[in-house]
Amino acid sequence: MSNIEVREKIAIAVLSAKAFANQVSLKITGHIFEFLGNKSTATKYNFDRYRRDLRTLVLQDTLDYKLRDIGNWLLNQEFPIVIKYS
């Protein structure tokens, strides 16, 4: 197996892990507010900062492109294009 093939398989594994972590963390933070109620967003508690920080991270490291690349690999066996941020 060449270095390129190894790198491509690692890229798919990393994309899958990041996509899973993004989705789980968004669900968890959503459930936190359901459990704690509306008052948990008050500035004196500052619980909403976790959701804001997470949303900023997810927006900068877009989930849609990861899911597209994973789906393209699953359906067409085409590995993601290697770019600076992958």
N, C-alpha and C. Protein backbone atom coordinates (compact mmCIF):
# COMPACT_ATOMS: atom_id res chain seq x y z
N MET A 1 0.86 -1.17 0.00
CA MET A 1 0.00 0.00 0.00
C MET A 1 0.90 1.24 0.00
N SER A 2 0.62 2.16 -0.88
CA SER A 2 1.45 3.36 -0.99
C SER A 2 1.10 4.38 0.09
N ASN A 3 1.97 5.36 0.22
CA ASN A 3 1.73 6.43 1.20
C ASN A 3 0.46 7.20 0.89
N ILE A 4 0.17 7.36 -0.39
CA ILE A 4 -1.03 8.11 -0.79
C ILE A 4 -2.29 7.35 -0.38
N GLU A 5 -2.31 6.03 -0.59
CA GLU A 5 -3.47 5.24 -0.20
C GLU A 5 -3.69 5.26 1.31
N VAL A 6 -2.59 5.18 2.05
CA VAL A 6 -2.68 5.22 3.51
C VAL A 6 -3.23 6.57 3.95
N ARG A 7 -2.73 7.63 3.36
CA ARG A 7 -3.18 8.99 3.70
C ARG A 7 -4.66 9.16 3.37
N GLU A 8 -5.11 8.60 2.25
CA GLU A 8 -6.52 8.71 1.87
C GLU A 8 -7.42 7.97 2.85
N LYS A 9 -7.00 6.79 3.29
CA LYS A 9 -7.81 6.04 4.25
C LYS A 9 -7.84 6.73 5.61
N ILE A 10 -6.73 7.30 5.99
CA ILE A 10 -6.69 8.06 7.24
C ILE A 10 -7.60 9.28 7.13
N ALA A 11 -7.62 9.93 5.96
CA ALA A 11 -8.47 11.11 5.76
C ALA A 11 -9.94 10.76 5.95
N ILE A 12 -10.37 9.62 5.42
CA ILE A 12 -11.76 9.18 5.59
C ILE A 12 -12.05 8.90 7.06
N ALA A 13 -11.13 8.26 7.76
CA ALA A 13 -11.33 7.97 9.19
C ALA A 13 -11.42 9.25 10.00
N VAL A 14 -10.57 10.22 9.70
CA VAL A 14 -10.59 11.50 10.42
C VAL A 14 -11.88 12.27 10.11
N LEU A 15 -12.28 12.30 8.85
CA LEU A 15 -13.53 12.97 8.48
C LEU A 15 -14.71 12.34 9.21
N SER A 16 -14.74 11.02 9.27
CA SER A 16 -15.84 10.33 9.95
C SER A 16 -15.87 10.66 11.44
N ALA A 17 -14.70 10.66 12.06
CA ALA A 17 -14.64 10.98 13.50
C ALA A 17 -15.07 12.42 13.77
N LYS A 18 -14.62 13.36 12.93
CA LYS A 18 -15.00 14.76 13.12
C LYS A 18 -16.50 14.96 12.90
N ALA A 19 -17.05 14.32 11.87
CA ALA A 19 -18.48 14.45 11.60
C ALA A 19 -19.30 13.89 12.76
N PHE A 20 -18.89 12.74 13.27
CA PHE A 20 -19.60 12.13 14.39
C PHE A 20 -19.52 13.03 15.64
N ALA A 21 -18.34 13.53 15.94
CA ALA A 21 -18.16 14.39 17.11
C ALA A 21 -18.98 15.67 16.99
N ASN A 22 -19.02 16.26 15.80
CA ASN A 22 -19.81 17.48 15.59
C ASN A 22 -21.28 17.23 15.84
N GLN A 23 -21.79 16.15 15.27
CA GLN A 23 -23.22 15.87 15.41
C GLN A 23 -23.59 15.55 16.86
N VAL A 24 -22.78 14.76 17.52
CA VAL A 24 -23.08 14.39 18.90
C VAL A 24 -23.01 15.62 19.81
N SER A 25 -21.99 16.44 19.63
CA SER A 25 -21.84 17.61 20.51
C SER A 25 -22.98 18.61 20.31
N LEU A 26 -23.45 18.77 19.08
CA LEU A 26 -24.59 19.66 18.86
C LEU A 26 -25.86 19.11 19.52
N LYS A 27 -26.05 17.81 19.45
CA LYS A 27 -27.21 17.21 20.11
C LYS A 27 -27.13 17.37 21.62
N ILE A 28 -25.96 17.13 22.17
CA ILE A 28 -25.79 17.22 23.62
C ILE A 28 -26.06 18.63 24.11
N THR A 29 -25.50 19.63 23.45
CA THR A 29 -25.72 21.00 23.92
C THR A 29 -27.19 21.39 23.78
N GLY A 30 -27.85 20.89 22.76
CA GLY A 30 -29.29 21.15 22.63
C GLY A 30 -30.08 20.54 23.77
N HIS A 31 -29.72 19.32 24.15
CA HIS A 31 -30.42 18.65 25.25
C HIS A 31 -30.11 19.28 26.60
N ILE A 32 -28.94 19.88 26.72
CA ILE A 32 -28.62 20.57 27.98
C ILE A 32 -29.64 21.66 28.27
N PHE A 33 -29.97 22.45 27.24
CA PHE A 33 -30.93 23.53 27.45
C PHE A 33 -32.35 23.00 27.65
N GLU A 34 -32.67 21.88 27.02
CA GLU A 34 -33.97 21.27 27.28
C GLU A 34 -34.07 20.81 28.74
N PHE A 35 -33.01 20.25 29.24
CA PHE A 35 -32.99 19.74 30.61
C PHE A 35 -32.96 20.87 31.63
N LEU A 36 -32.11 21.88 31.41
CA LEU A 36 -31.95 22.96 32.38
C LEU A 36 -33.05 24.02 32.29
N GLY A 37 -33.70 24.11 31.15
CA GLY A 37 -34.77 25.09 30.98
C GLY A 37 -34.29 26.41 30.42
N ASN A 38 -35.24 27.30 30.19
CA ASN A 38 -34.94 28.59 29.56
C ASN A 38 -34.04 29.48 30.41
N LYS A 39 -34.14 29.37 31.69
CA LYS A 39 -33.35 30.25 32.56
C LYS A 39 -31.86 29.93 32.53
N SER A 40 -31.50 28.77 31.98
CA SER A 40 -30.08 28.41 31.91
C SER A 40 -29.31 29.29 30.93
N THR A 41 -30.02 30.00 30.06
CA THR A 41 -29.35 30.89 29.12
C THR A 41 -29.10 32.27 29.72
N ALA A 42 -29.47 32.47 30.96
CA ALA A 42 -29.24 33.75 31.61
C ALA A 42 -27.74 34.03 31.69
N THR A 43 -27.38 35.30 31.59
CA THR A 43 -25.97 35.66 31.57
C THR A 43 -25.27 35.34 32.89
N LYS A 44 -26.01 35.28 33.98
CA LYS A 44 -25.35 34.98 35.25
C LYS A 44 -24.85 33.54 35.32
N TYR A 45 -25.49 32.61 34.55
CA TYR A 45 -25.03 31.22 34.51
C TYR A 45 -24.01 31.00 33.40
N ASN A 46 -24.20 31.67 32.29
CA ASN A 46 -23.27 31.63 31.15
C ASN A 46 -23.14 30.23 30.53
N PHE A 47 -24.19 29.40 30.62
CA PHE A 47 -24.15 28.09 30.00
C PHE A 47 -24.21 28.16 28.48
N ASP A 48 -24.79 29.20 27.95
CA ASP A 48 -24.93 29.29 26.50
C ASP A 48 -23.59 29.50 25.80
N ARG A 49 -22.54 29.82 26.52
CA ARG A 49 -21.24 30.03 25.87
C ARG A 49 -20.73 28.74 25.25
N TYR A 50 -21.07 27.58 25.83
CA TYR A 50 -20.64 26.31 25.25
C TYR A 50 -21.29 26.08 23.90
N ARG A 51 -22.55 26.41 23.82
CA ARG A 51 -23.26 26.26 22.54
C ARG A 51 -22.69 27.24 21.52
N ARG A 52 -22.44 28.47 21.93
CA ARG A 52 -21.87 29.46 21.01
C ARG A 52 -20.48 29.03 20.53
N ASP A 53 -19.65 28.58 21.45
CA ASP A 53 -18.30 28.15 21.07
C ASP A 53 -18.36 26.95 20.12
N LEU A 54 -19.26 26.04 20.40
CA LEU A 54 -19.39 24.87 19.55
C LEU A 54 -19.89 25.25 18.17
N ARG A 55 -20.88 26.12 18.10
CA ARG A 55 -21.40 26.56 16.80
C ARG A 55 -20.31 27.26 15.99
N THR A 56 -19.47 28.05 16.65
CA THR A 56 -18.37 28.71 15.95
C THR A 56 -17.40 27.68 15.40
N LEU A 57 -17.07 26.68 16.19
CA LEU A 57 -16.17 25.64 15.74
C LEU A 57 -16.76 24.86 14.57
N VAL A 58 -18.03 24.50 14.67
CA VAL A 58 -18.68 23.73 13.61
C VAL A 58 -18.77 24.55 12.32
N LEU A 59 -19.03 25.84 12.45
CA LEU A 59 -19.12 26.67 11.25
C LEU A 59 -17.77 26.86 10.58
N GLN A 60 -16.71 26.90 11.35
CA GLN A 60 -15.38 27.05 10.77
C GLN A 60 -14.86 25.74 10.19
N ASP A 61 -15.33 24.63 10.69
CA ASP A 61 -14.91 23.30 10.23
C ASP A 61 -16.16 22.60 9.71
N THR A 62 -16.63 23.03 8.55
CA THR A 62 -17.97 22.70 8.06
C THR A 62 -18.23 21.20 7.94
N LEU A 63 -19.35 20.80 8.49
CA LEU A 63 -19.78 19.41 8.50
C LEU A 63 -20.27 18.96 7.12
N ASP A 64 -20.88 19.86 6.37
CA ASP A 64 -21.43 19.49 5.06
C ASP A 64 -20.37 18.94 4.13
N TYR A 65 -19.21 19.55 4.10
CA TYR A 65 -18.14 19.07 3.21
C TYR A 65 -17.62 17.71 3.66
N LYS A 66 -17.57 17.49 4.96
CA LYS A 66 -17.14 16.20 5.47
C LYS A 66 -18.12 15.10 5.06
N LEU A 67 -19.40 15.37 5.25
CA LEU A 67 -20.41 14.39 4.90
C LEU A 67 -20.43 14.13 3.39
N ARG A 68 -20.22 15.16 2.60
CA ARG A 68 -20.15 14.99 1.16
C ARG A 68 -18.98 14.09 0.77
N ASP A 69 -17.83 14.32 1.35
CA ASP A 69 -16.65 13.52 1.02
C ASP A 69 -16.80 12.07 1.48
N ILE A 70 -17.39 11.87 2.67
CA ILE A 70 -17.62 10.51 3.15
C ILE A 70 -18.62 9.79 2.24
N GLY A 71 -19.69 10.48 1.89
CA GLY A 71 -20.69 9.89 0.99
C GLY A 71 -20.12 9.57 -0.38
N ASN A 72 -19.29 10.45 -0.90
CA ASN A 72 -18.66 10.22 -2.20
C ASN A 72 -17.76 9.00 -2.13
N TRP A 73 -17.07 8.81 -1.02
CA TRP A 73 -16.22 7.64 -0.86
C TRP A 73 -17.06 6.37 -0.75
N LEU A 74 -18.15 6.43 0.02
CA LEU A 74 -19.00 5.25 0.19
C LEU A 74 -19.67 4.83 -1.12
N LEU A 75 -20.14 5.81 -1.89
CA LEU A 75 -20.87 5.49 -3.12
C LEU A 75 -19.96 5.22 -4.31
N ASN A 76 -18.92 6.00 -4.46
CA ASN A 76 -18.09 5.95 -5.67
C ASN A 76 -16.67 5.47 -5.43
N GLN A 77 -16.32 5.21 -4.19
CA GLN A 77 -14.95 4.83 -3.82
C GLN A 77 -13.92 5.87 -4.25
N GLU A 78 -14.34 7.14 -4.24
CA GLU A 78 -13.44 8.24 -4.55
C GLU A 78 -13.03 8.91 -3.25
N PHE A 79 -11.73 8.98 -3.04
CA PHE A 79 -11.22 9.59 -1.83
C PHE A 79 -11.31 11.11 -1.92
N PRO A 80 -11.36 11.80 -0.80
CA PRO A 80 -11.44 13.27 -0.83
C PRO A 80 -10.18 13.88 -1.44
N ILE A 81 -10.36 15.03 -2.03
CA ILE A 81 -9.24 15.77 -2.61
C ILE A 81 -8.39 16.28 -1.46
N VAL A 82 -7.10 16.10 -1.58
CA VAL A 82 -6.20 16.54 -0.54
C VAL A 82 -6.01 18.06 -0.65
N ILE A 83 -6.40 18.77 0.41
CA ILE A 83 -6.20 20.20 0.47
C ILE A 83 -5.49 20.54 1.77
N LYS A 84 -5.20 21.78 1.94
CA LYS A 84 -4.46 22.22 3.11
C LYS A 84 -5.17 21.87 4.41
N TYR A 85 -6.49 21.93 4.45
CA TYR A 85 -7.25 21.76 5.68
C TYR A 85 -7.79 20.36 5.88
N SER A 86 -7.52 19.42 4.99
CA SER A 86 -8.07 18.08 5.15
C SER A 86 -7.13 17.18 5.92
